[in-house]
Amino acid sequence: MSLPMRTNFDEKDYTYIIITKGITKETSEIQINLDGMEYQLVCNVKGDWDVVDATIKDHPGLFKAIGRNIKLRYRL
């Protein structure tokens, strides 16, 4: 397991763990663990990361913020 990463969204801190190992520019999907739930982020045609199988109760803006954070961290 990797170290927890943090992001701030809507004036609230969130901690998540990246499960996927060896992330490079060729990586097309990333698994994360957020609040005990596993989510899969995939890269869309614009280069943004979106979550697969998000429900209405999930915060799409939060997953966009996490995707941006990962993109900056790994220089994707």
PDB file of N, CA and C in Angstrom:
ATOM      1  N   MET A   1       0.839  -1.183   0.000  1.00  0.00           N
ATOM      2  CA  MET A   1       0.000   0.000   0.000  1.00  0.00           C
ATOM      3  C   MET A   1       0.882   1.245   0.000  1.00  0.00           C
ATOM      4  N   SER A   2       0.405   2.260  -0.672  1.00  0.00           N
ATOM      5  CA  SER A   2       1.149   3.511  -0.681  1.00  0.00           C
ATOM      6  C   SER A   2       0.700   4.390   0.486  1.00  0.00           C
ATOM      7  N   LEU A   3       1.401   5.469   0.660  1.00  0.00           N
ATOM      8  CA  LEU A   3       1.066   6.395   1.733  1.00  0.00           C
ATOM      9  C   LEU A   3      -0.224   7.141   1.416  1.00  0.00           C
ATOM     10  N   PRO A   4      -0.963   7.529   2.434  1.00  0.00           N
ATOM     11  CA  PRO A   4      -2.190   8.298   2.197  1.00  0.00           C
ATOM     12  C   PRO A   4      -1.882   9.662   1.587  1.00  0.00           C
ATOM     13  N   MET A   5      -2.752  10.085   0.687  1.00  0.00           N
ATOM     14  CA  MET A   5      -2.649  11.410   0.093  1.00  0.00           C
ATOM     15  C   MET A   5      -3.858  12.209   0.555  1.00  0.00           C
ATOM     16  N   ARG A   6      -3.698  13.526   0.569  1.00  0.00           N
ATOM     17  CA  ARG A   6      -4.783  14.390   1.042  1.00  0.00           C
ATOM     18  C   ARG A   6      -5.148  15.397  -0.028  1.00  0.00           C
ATOM     19  N   THR A   7      -6.410  15.776  -0.011  1.00  0.00           N
ATOM     20  CA  THR A   7      -6.880  16.863  -0.865  1.00  0.00           C
ATOM     21  C   THR A   7      -7.957  17.621  -0.106  1.00  0.00           C
ATOM     22  N   ASN A   8      -8.133  18.872  -0.450  1.00  0.00           N
ATOM     23  CA  ASN A   8      -9.152  19.691   0.186  1.00  0.00           C
ATOM     24  C   ASN A   8     -10.219  20.001  -0.851  1.00  0.00           C
ATOM     25  N   PHE A   9     -11.479  19.729  -0.491  1.00  0.00           N
ATOM     26  CA  PHE A   9     -12.592  19.992  -1.390  1.00  0.00           C
ATOM     27  C   PHE A   9     -13.753  20.513  -0.568  1.00  0.00           C
ATOM     28  N   ASP A  10     -14.337  21.602  -0.988  1.00  0.00           N
ATOM     29  CA  ASP A  10     -15.470  22.214  -0.280  1.00  0.00           C
ATOM     30  C   ASP A  10     -15.148  22.488   1.192  1.00  0.00           C
ATOM     31  N   GLU A  11     -13.947  23.017   1.420  1.00  0.00           N
ATOM     32  CA  GLU A  11     -13.482  23.373   2.762  1.00  0.00           C
ATOM     33  C   GLU A  11     -13.437  22.183   3.720  1.00  0.00           C
ATOM     34  N   LYS A  12     -13.226  20.985   3.172  1.00  0.00           N
ATOM     35  CA  LYS A  12     -13.121  19.776   3.978  1.00  0.00           C
ATOM     36  C   LYS A  12     -11.947  18.959   3.458  1.00  0.00           C
ATOM     37  N   ASP A  13     -11.148  18.389   4.369  1.00  0.00           N
ATOM     38  CA  ASP A  13     -10.009  17.566   3.983  1.00  0.00           C
ATOM     39  C   ASP A  13     -10.445  16.127   3.778  1.00  0.00           C
ATOM     40  N   TYR A  14      -9.922  15.511   2.712  1.00  0.00           N
ATOM     41  CA  TYR A  14     -10.184  14.102   2.406  1.00  0.00           C
ATOM     42  C   TYR A  14      -8.851  13.393   2.276  1.00  0.00           C
ATOM     43  N   THR A  15      -8.783  12.178   2.781  1.00  0.00           N
ATOM     44  CA  THR A  15      -7.589  11.347   2.681  1.00  0.00           C
ATOM     45  C   THR A  15      -7.934  10.122   1.849  1.00  0.00           C
ATOM     46  N   TYR A  16      -7.072   9.803   0.905  1.00  0.00           N
ATOM     47  CA  TYR A  16      -7.286   8.634   0.060  1.00  0.00           C
ATOM     48  C   TYR A  16      -5.952   7.933  -0.168  1.00  0.00           C
ATOM     49  N   ILE A  17      -6.036   6.679  -0.590  1.00  0.00           N
ATOM     50  CA  ILE A  17      -4.851   5.877  -0.852  1.00  0.00           C
ATOM     51  C   ILE A  17      -4.895   5.418  -2.301  1.00  0.00           C
ATOM     52  N   ILE A  18      -3.799   5.568  -3.010  1.00  0.00           N
ATOM     53  CA  ILE A  18      -3.703   5.091  -4.385  1.00  0.00           C
ATOM     54  C   ILE A  18      -3.291   3.625  -4.334  1.00  0.00           C
ATOM     55  N   ILE A  19      -4.110   2.763  -4.889  1.00  0.00           N
ATOM     56  CA  ILE A  19      -3.852   1.328  -4.867  1.00  0.00           C
ATOM     57  C   ILE A  19      -2.990   0.903  -6.052  1.00  0.00           C
ATOM     58  N   THR A  20      -3.165   1.541  -7.189  1.00  0.00           N
ATOM     59  CA  THR A  20      -2.424   1.207  -8.404  1.00  0.00           C
ATOM     60  C   THR A  20      -0.935   1.479  -8.202  1.00  0.00           C
ATOM     61  N   LYS A  21      -0.121   0.523  -8.590  1.00  0.00           N
ATOM     62  CA  LYS A  21       1.338   0.654  -8.486  1.00  0.00           C
ATOM     63  C   LYS A  21       1.930   1.039  -9.842  1.00  0.00           C
ATOM     64  N   GLY A  22       3.034   1.736  -9.819  1.00  0.00           N
ATOM     65  CA  GLY A  22       3.778   2.062 -11.037  1.00  0.00           C
ATOM     66  C   GLY A  22       3.020   2.963 -12.003  1.00  0.00           C
ATOM     67  N   ILE A  23       2.513   4.074 -11.538  1.00  0.00           N
ATOM     68  CA  ILE A  23       1.759   4.994 -12.395  1.00  0.00           C
ATOM     69  C   ILE A  23       2.722   5.756 -13.304  1.00  0.00           C
ATOM     70  N   THR A  24       2.436   5.707 -14.610  1.00  0.00           N
ATOM     71  CA  THR A  24       3.234   6.424 -15.609  1.00  0.00           C
ATOM     72  C   THR A  24       2.284   7.205 -16.517  1.00  0.00           C
ATOM     73  N   LYS A  25       2.843   7.898 -17.498  1.00  0.00           N
ATOM     74  CA  LYS A  25       2.016   8.656 -18.447  1.00  0.00           C
ATOM     75  C   LYS A  25       1.141   7.734 -19.295  1.00  0.00           C
ATOM     76  N   GLU A  26       1.500   6.465 -19.410  1.00  0.00           N
ATOM     77  CA  GLU A  26       0.722   5.508 -20.185  1.00  0.00           C
ATOM     78  C   GLU A  26      -0.403   4.868 -19.378  1.00  0.00           C
ATOM     79  N   THR A  27      -0.470   5.138 -18.082  1.00  0.00           N
ATOM     80  CA  THR A  27      -1.511   4.566 -17.226  1.00  0.00           C
ATOM     81  C   THR A  27      -2.867   5.126 -17.649  1.00  0.00           C
ATOM     82  N   SER A  28      -3.838   4.225 -17.846  1.00  0.00           N
ATOM     83  CA  SER A  28      -5.160   4.667 -18.284  1.00  0.00           C
ATOM     84  C   SER A  28      -6.218   4.538 -17.197  1.00  0.00           C
ATOM     85  N   GLU A  29      -5.913   3.800 -16.131  1.00  0.00           N
ATOM     86  CA  GLU A  29      -6.862   3.703 -15.020  1.00  0.00           C
ATOM     87  C   GLU A  29      -6.102   3.595 -13.701  1.00  0.00           C
ATOM     88  N   ILE A  30      -6.689   4.181 -12.684  1.00  0.00           N
ATOM     89  CA  ILE A  30      -6.068   4.222 -11.362  1.00  0.00           C
ATOM     90  C   ILE A  30      -7.110   3.814 -10.330  1.00  0.00           C
ATOM     91  N   GLN A  31      -6.740   2.895  -9.454  1.00  0.00           N
ATOM     92  CA  GLN A  31      -7.597   2.464  -8.357  1.00  0.00           C
ATOM     93  C   GLN A  31      -7.242   3.272  -7.117  1.00  0.00           C
ATOM     94  N   ILE A  32      -8.255   3.814  -6.421  1.00  0.00           N
ATOM     95  CA  ILE A  32      -8.033   4.525  -5.172  1.00  0.00           C
ATOM     96  C   ILE A  32      -8.964   3.982  -4.099  1.00  0.00           C
ATOM     97  N   ASN A  33      -8.599   4.210  -2.854  1.00  0.00           N
ATOM     98  CA  ASN A  33      -9.437   3.854  -1.713  1.00  0.00           C
ATOM     99  C   ASN A  33      -9.756   5.155  -0.990  1.00  0.00           C
ATOM    100  N   LEU A  34     -11.044   5.464  -0.901  1.00  0.00           N
ATOM    101  CA  LEU A  34     -11.515   6.682  -0.247  1.00  0.00           C
ATOM    102  C   LEU A  34     -12.580   6.287   0.759  1.00  0.00           C
ATOM    103  N   ASP A  35     -12.337   6.550   2.021  1.00  0.00           N
ATOM    104  CA  ASP A  35     -13.284   6.229   3.091  1.00  0.00           C
ATOM    105  C   ASP A  35     -13.690   4.755   3.093  1.00  0.00           C
ATOM    106  N   GLY A  36     -12.733   3.865   2.841  1.00  0.00           N
ATOM    107  CA  GLY A  36     -13.008   2.437   2.876  1.00  0.00           C
ATOM    108  C   GLY A  36     -13.651   1.880   1.621  1.00  0.00           C
ATOM    109  N   MET A  37     -13.930   2.721   0.651  1.00  0.00           N
ATOM    110  CA  MET A  37     -14.535   2.280  -0.614  1.00  0.00           C
ATOM    111  C   MET A  37     -13.499   2.405  -1.725  1.00  0.00           C
ATOM    112  N   GLU A  38     -13.474   1.423  -2.620  1.00  0.00           N
ATOM    113  CA  GLU A  38     -12.551   1.469  -3.741  1.00  0.00           C
ATOM    114  C   GLU A  38     -13.250   2.059  -4.961  1.00  0.00           C
ATOM    115  N   TYR A  39     -12.538   2.936  -5.644  1.00  0.00           N
ATOM    116  CA  TYR A  39     -13.057   3.587  -6.843  1.00  0.00           C
ATOM    117  C   TYR A  39     -12.013   3.466  -7.945  1.00  0.00           C
ATOM    118  N   GLN A  40     -12.488   3.461  -9.176  1.00  0.00           N
ATOM    119  CA  GLN A  40     -11.600   3.388 -10.325  1.00  0.00           C
ATOM    120  C   GLN A  40     -11.710   4.692 -11.100  1.00  0.00           C
ATOM    121  N   LEU A  41     -10.583   5.349 -11.283  1.00  0.00           N
ATOM    122  CA  LEU A  41     -10.520   6.569 -12.090  1.00  0.00           C
ATOM    123  C   LEU A  41      -9.964   6.212 -13.457  1.00  0.00           C
ATOM    124  N   VAL A  42     -10.592   6.731 -14.518  1.00  0.00           N
ATOM    125  CA  VAL A  42     -10.107   6.500 -15.878  1.00  0.00           C
ATOM    126  C   VAL A  42      -9.873   7.847 -16.546  1.00  0.00           C
ATOM    127  N   CYS A  43      -8.916   7.854 -17.446  1.00  0.00           N
ATOM    128  CA  CYS A  43      -8.562   9.081 -18.158  1.00  0.00           C
ATOM    129  C   CYS A  43      -9.491   9.240 -19.358  1.00  0.00           C
ATOM    130  N   ASN A  44     -10.113  10.421 -19.493  1.00  0.00           N
ATOM    131  CA  ASN A  44     -10.987  10.665 -20.640  1.00  0.00           C
ATOM    132  C   ASN A  44     -10.188  11.296 -21.782  1.00  0.00           C
ATOM    133  N   VAL A  45     -10.849  11.607 -22.880  1.00  0.00           N
ATOM    134  CA  VAL A  45     -10.150  12.118 -24.065  1.00  0.00           C
ATOM    135  C   VAL A  45      -9.518  13.495 -23.842  1.00  0.00           C
ATOM    136  N   LYS A  46     -10.030  14.263 -22.871  1.00  0.00           N
ATOM    137  CA  LYS A  46      -9.462  15.584 -22.578  1.00  0.00           C
ATOM    138  C   LYS A  46      -8.278  15.504 -21.615  1.00  0.00           C
ATOM    139  N   GLY A  47      -7.975  14.306 -21.112  1.00  0.00           N
ATOM    140  CA  GLY A  47      -6.867  14.156 -20.184  1.00  0.00           C
ATOM    141  C   GLY A  47      -7.260  14.316 -18.734  1.00  0.00           C
ATOM    142  N   ASP A  48      -8.561  14.468 -18.469  1.00  0.00           N
ATOM    143  CA  ASP A  48      -9.048  14.567 -17.093  1.00  0.00           C
ATOM    144  C   ASP A  48      -9.379  13.171 -16.582  1.00  0.00           C
ATOM    145  N   TRP A  49      -9.352  13.010 -15.275  1.00  0.00           N
ATOM    146  CA  TRP A  49      -9.639  11.720 -14.658  1.00  0.00           C
ATOM    147  C   TRP A  49     -11.046  11.727 -14.091  1.00  0.00           C
ATOM    148  N   ASP A  50     -11.850  10.748 -14.505  1.00  0.00           N
ATOM    149  CA  ASP A  50     -13.230  10.607 -14.051  1.00  0.00           C
ATOM    150  C   ASP A  50     -13.392   9.261 -13.358  1.00  0.00           C
ATOM    151  N   VAL A  51     -14.322   9.210 -12.410  1.00  0.00           N
ATOM    152  CA  VAL A  51     -14.581   7.967 -11.695  1.00  0.00           C
ATOM    153  C   VAL A  51     -15.590   7.132 -12.485  1.00  0.00           C
ATOM    154  N   VAL A  52     -15.377   5.811 -12.457  1.00  0.00           N
ATOM    155  CA  VAL A  52     -16.298   4.872 -13.089  1.00  0.00           C
ATOM    156  C   VAL A  52     -17.318   4.450 -12.038  1.00  0.00           C
ATOM    157  N   ASP A  53     -18.564   4.272 -12.436  1.00  0.00           N
ATOM    158  CA  ASP A  53     -19.634   3.792 -11.550  1.00  0.00           C
ATOM    159  C   ASP A  53     -19.891   4.715 -10.365  1.00  0.00           C
ATOM    160  N   ALA A  54     -19.871   6.003 -10.578  1.00  0.00           N
ATOM    161  CA  ALA A  54     -20.200   6.947  -9.501  1.00  0.00           C
ATOM    162  C   ALA A  54     -21.710   6.983  -9.321  1.00  0.00           C
ATOM    163  N   THR A  55     -22.143   7.083  -8.082  1.00  0.00           N
ATOM    164  CA  THR A  55     -23.574   7.212  -7.801  1.00  0.00           C
ATOM    165  C   THR A  55     -23.891   8.667  -7.505  1.00  0.00           C
ATOM    166  N   ILE A  56     -25.157   8.965  -7.364  1.00  0.00           N
ATOM    167  CA  ILE A  56     -25.579  10.342  -7.114  1.00  0.00           C
ATOM    168  C   ILE A  56     -25.068  10.840  -5.770  1.00  0.00           C
ATOM    169  N   LYS A  57     -24.975   9.950  -4.773  1.00  0.00           N
ATOM    170  CA  LYS A  57     -24.516  10.386  -3.461  1.00  0.00           C
ATOM    171  C   LYS A  57     -23.009  10.679  -3.439  1.00  0.00           C
ATOM    172  N   ASP A  58     -22.270  10.118  -4.404  1.00  0.00           N
ATOM    173  CA  ASP A  58     -20.844  10.432  -4.511  1.00  0.00           C
ATOM    174  C   ASP A  58     -20.694  11.853  -5.037  1.00  0.00           C
ATOM    175  N   HIS A  59     -19.627  12.503  -4.657  1.00  0.00           N
ATOM    176  CA  HIS A  59     -19.389  13.883  -5.078  1.00  0.00           C
ATOM    177  C   HIS A  59     -18.518  13.893  -6.334  1.00  0.00           C
ATOM    178  N   PRO A  60     -19.103  14.136  -7.511  1.00  0.00           N
ATOM    179  CA  PRO A  60     -18.278  14.144  -8.726  1.00  0.00           C
ATOM    180  C   PRO A  60     -17.187  15.206  -8.674  1.00  0.00           C
ATOM    181  N   GLY A  61     -17.444  16.330  -8.035  1.00  0.00           N
ATOM    182  CA  GLY A  61     -16.420  17.367  -7.901  1.00  0.00           C
ATOM    183  C   GLY A  61     -15.247  16.905  -7.067  1.00  0.00           C
ATOM    184  N   LEU A  62     -15.518  16.094  -6.050  1.00  0.00           N
ATOM    185  CA  LEU A  62     -14.447  15.548  -5.214  1.00  0.00           C
ATOM    186  C   LEU A  62     -13.545  14.641  -6.033  1.00  0.00           C
ATOM    187  N   PHE A  63     -14.135  13.793  -6.867  1.00  0.00           N
ATOM    188  CA  PHE A  63     -13.325  12.888  -7.685  1.00  0.00           C
ATOM    189  C   PHE A  63     -12.538  13.651  -8.742  1.00  0.00           C
ATOM    190  N   LYS A  64     -13.092  14.745  -9.247  1.00  0.00           N
ATOM    191  CA  LYS A  64     -12.337  15.600 -10.175  1.00  0.00           C
ATOM    192  C   LYS A  64     -11.120  16.201  -9.457  1.00  0.00           C
ATOM    193  N   ALA A  65     -11.318  16.650  -8.214  1.00  0.00           N
ATOM    194  CA  ALA A  65     -10.220  17.223  -7.430  1.00  0.00           C
ATOM    195  C   ALA A  65      -9.154  16.169  -7.152  1.00  0.00           C
ATOM    196  N   ILE A  66      -9.566  14.958  -6.824  1.00  0.00           N
ATOM    197  CA  ILE A  66      -8.610  13.865  -6.589  1.00  0.00           C
ATOM    198  C   ILE A  66      -7.863  13.553  -7.876  1.00  0.00           C
ATOM    199  N   GLY A  67      -8.572  13.510  -9.003  1.00  0.00           N
ATOM    200  CA  GLY A  67      -7.932  13.261 -10.293  1.00  0.00           C
ATOM    201  C   GLY A  67      -6.909  14.324 -10.637  1.00  0.00           C
ATOM    202  N   ARG A  68      -7.250  15.596 -10.389  1.00  0.00           N
ATOM    203  CA  ARG A  68      -6.285  16.686 -10.627  1.00  0.00           C
ATOM    204  C   ARG A  68      -5.073  16.554  -9.718  1.00  0.00           C
ATOM    205  N   ASN A  69      -5.310  16.180  -8.466  1.00  0.00           N
ATOM    206  CA  ASN A  69      -4.223  16.018  -7.506  1.00  0.00           C
ATOM    207  C   ASN A  69      -3.265  14.904  -7.962  1.00  0.00           C
ATOM    208  N   ILE A  70      -3.804  13.785  -8.400  1.00  0.00           N
ATOM    209  CA  ILE A  70      -2.988  12.678  -8.876  1.00  0.00           C
ATOM    210  C   ILE A  70      -2.238  13.078 -10.152  1.00  0.00           C
ATOM    211  N   LYS A  71      -2.943  13.780 -11.036  1.00  0.00           N
ATOM    212  CA  LYS A  71      -2.323  14.231 -12.282  1.00  0.00           C
ATOM    213  C   LYS A  71      -1.121  15.129 -12.016  1.00  0.00           C
ATOM    214  N   LEU A  72      -1.256  16.035 -11.068  1.00  0.00           N
ATOM    215  CA  LEU A  72      -0.137  16.911 -10.718  1.00  0.00           C
ATOM    216  C   LEU A  72       0.979  16.165 -10.005  1.00  0.00           C
ATOM    217  N   ARG A  73       0.618  15.262  -9.108  1.00  0.00           N
ATOM    218  CA  ARG A  73       1.608  14.522  -8.330  1.00  0.00           C
ATOM    219  C   ARG A  73       2.488  13.652  -9.205  1.00  0.00           C
ATOM    220  N   TYR A  74       1.863  12.967 -10.171  1.00  0.00           N
ATOM    221  CA  TYR A  74       2.602  12.039 -11.035  1.00  0.00           C
ATOM    222  C   TYR A  74       2.940  12.638 -12.396  1.00  0.00           C
ATOM    223  N   ARG A  75       2.648  13.923 -12.580  1.00  0.00           N
ATOM    224  CA  ARG A  75       2.952  14.642 -13.832  1.00  0.00           C
ATOM    225  C   ARG A  75       2.402  13.915 -15.047  1.00  0.00           C
ATOM    226  N   LEU A  76       1.124  13.602 -14.999  1.00  0.00           N
ATOM    227  CA  LEU A  76       0.478  12.864 -16.086  1.00  0.00           C
ATOM    228  C   LEU A  76       0.009  13.791 -17.182  1.00  0.00           C
TER     229      LEU A  76
END
